[in-house]
Amino acid sequence: MKNFVKGIFVGAAATVGVAAGCFYAFKKTVVDPVEEKEAMIDEHRRRAIRKRHSAHQY
């Protein structure tokens, strides 16, 4: 019975570890590149707005 309980805990810990690894890998491969692209687009938008406003100063 002692080995059975130990096996249950090890199996549960392994399952949680694998799930955490999958979520981390998904975040790194899908979510982070999208956020970086959005940040780059926002920066370009801010630059364009500054250029547009500075071009019409009198």
C-alpha atoms as a PDB file:
ATOM      1  CA  MET A   1       0.000   0.000   0.000  1.00  0.00           C
ATOM      2  CA  LYS A   2       2.919   2.349   0.728  1.00  0.00           C
ATOM      3  CA  ASN A   3       4.276   1.980  -2.822  1.00  0.00           C
ATOM      4  CA  PHE A   4       0.818   2.553  -4.259  1.00  0.00           C
ATOM      5  CA  VAL A   5       0.405   5.889  -2.459  1.00  0.00           C
ATOM      6  CA  LYS A   6       3.928   6.916  -3.449  1.00  0.00           C
ATOM      7  CA  GLY A   7       3.102   6.042  -7.060  1.00  0.00           C
ATOM      8  CA  ILE A   8      -0.068   8.114  -6.972  1.00  0.00           C
ATOM      9  CA  PHE A   9       1.862  11.159  -5.712  1.00  0.00           C
ATOM     10  CA  VAL A  10       4.659  10.715  -8.246  1.00  0.00           C
ATOM     11  CA  GLY A  11       2.150  10.260 -11.067  1.00  0.00           C
ATOM     12  CA  ALA A  12       0.180  13.341 -10.040  1.00  0.00           C
ATOM     13  CA  ALA A  13       3.369  15.406  -9.779  1.00  0.00           C
ATOM     14  CA  ALA A  14       4.521  14.201 -13.195  1.00  0.00           C
ATOM     15  CA  THR A  15       1.151  15.039 -14.725  1.00  0.00           C
ATOM     16  CA  VAL A  16       1.206  18.542 -13.252  1.00  0.00           C
ATOM     17  CA  GLY A  17       4.777  19.007 -14.494  1.00  0.00           C
ATOM     18  CA  VAL A  18       3.926  17.920 -18.017  1.00  0.00           C
ATOM     19  CA  ALA A  19       0.862  20.175 -18.095  1.00  0.00           C
ATOM     20  CA  ALA A  20       2.928  23.137 -16.880  1.00  0.00           C
ATOM     21  CA  GLY A  21       5.554  22.409 -19.530  1.00  0.00           C
ATOM     22  CA  CYS A  22       2.911  22.297 -22.252  1.00  0.00           C
ATOM     23  CA  PHE A  23       1.410  25.611 -21.159  1.00  0.00           C
ATOM     24  CA  TYR A  24       4.869  27.203 -21.000  1.00  0.00           C
ATOM     25  CA  ALA A  25       5.786  25.933 -24.476  1.00  0.00           C
ATOM     26  CA  PHE A  26       2.457  27.149 -25.898  1.00  0.00           C
ATOM     27  CA  LYS A  27       3.012  30.587 -24.373  1.00  0.00           C
ATOM     28  CA  LYS A  28       6.538  30.830 -25.772  1.00  0.00           C
ATOM     29  CA  THR A  29       5.630  29.685 -29.286  1.00  0.00           C
ATOM     30  CA  VAL A  30       2.207  31.302 -29.765  1.00  0.00           C
ATOM     31  CA  VAL A  31       1.404  34.037 -27.259  1.00  0.00           C
ATOM     32  CA  ASP A  32       4.760  35.834 -26.929  1.00  0.00           C
ATOM     33  CA  PRO A  33       5.337  36.344 -30.691  1.00  0.00           C
ATOM     34  CA  VAL A  34       1.837  37.801 -31.051  1.00  0.00           C
ATOM     35  CA  GLU A  35       2.441  40.200 -28.162  1.00  0.00           C
ATOM     36  CA  GLU A  36       5.819  41.234 -29.616  1.00  0.00           C
ATOM     37  CA  LYS A  37       4.210  41.917 -32.993  1.00  0.00           C
ATOM     38  CA  GLU A  38       1.477  44.017 -31.365  1.00  0.00           C
ATOM     39  CA  ALA A  39       4.090  46.011 -29.431  1.00  0.00           C
ATOM     40  CA  MET A  40       6.047  46.643 -32.637  1.00  0.00           C
ATOM     41  CA  ILE A  41       2.896  47.807 -34.448  1.00  0.00           C
ATOM     42  CA  ASP A  42       2.028  50.143 -31.555  1.00  0.00           C
ATOM     43  CA  GLU A  43       5.528  51.617 -31.629  1.00  0.00           C
ATOM     44  CA  HIS A  44       5.304  52.213 -35.383  1.00  0.00           C
ATOM     45  CA  ARG A  45       1.901  53.812 -34.935  1.00  0.00           C
ATOM     46  CA  ARG A  46       3.281  56.167 -32.257  1.00  0.00           C
ATOM     47  CA  ARG A  47       6.203  57.118 -34.520  1.00  0.00           C
ATOM     48  CA  ALA A  48       3.859  57.834 -37.414  1.00  0.00           C
ATOM     49  CA  ILE A  49       1.670  60.037 -35.231  1.00  0.00           C
ATOM     50  CA  ARG A  50       4.706  61.992 -33.993  1.00  0.00           C
ATOM     51  CA  LYS A  51       5.985  62.449 -37.555  1.00  0.00           C
ATOM     52  CA  ARG A  52       2.582  63.572 -38.764  1.00  0.00           C
ATOM     53  CA  HIS A  53       2.252  66.140 -35.992  1.00  0.00           C
ATOM     54  CA  SER A  54       5.804  67.436 -36.317  1.00  0.00           C
ATOM     55  CA  ALA A  55       5.501  67.843 -40.089  1.00  0.00           C
ATOM     56  CA  HIS A  56       2.711  70.404 -39.699  1.00  0.00           C
ATOM     57  CA  GLN A  57       4.285  72.640 -37.074  1.00  0.00           C
ATOM     58  CA  TYR A  58       4.441  76.326 -37.987  1.00  0.00           C
END
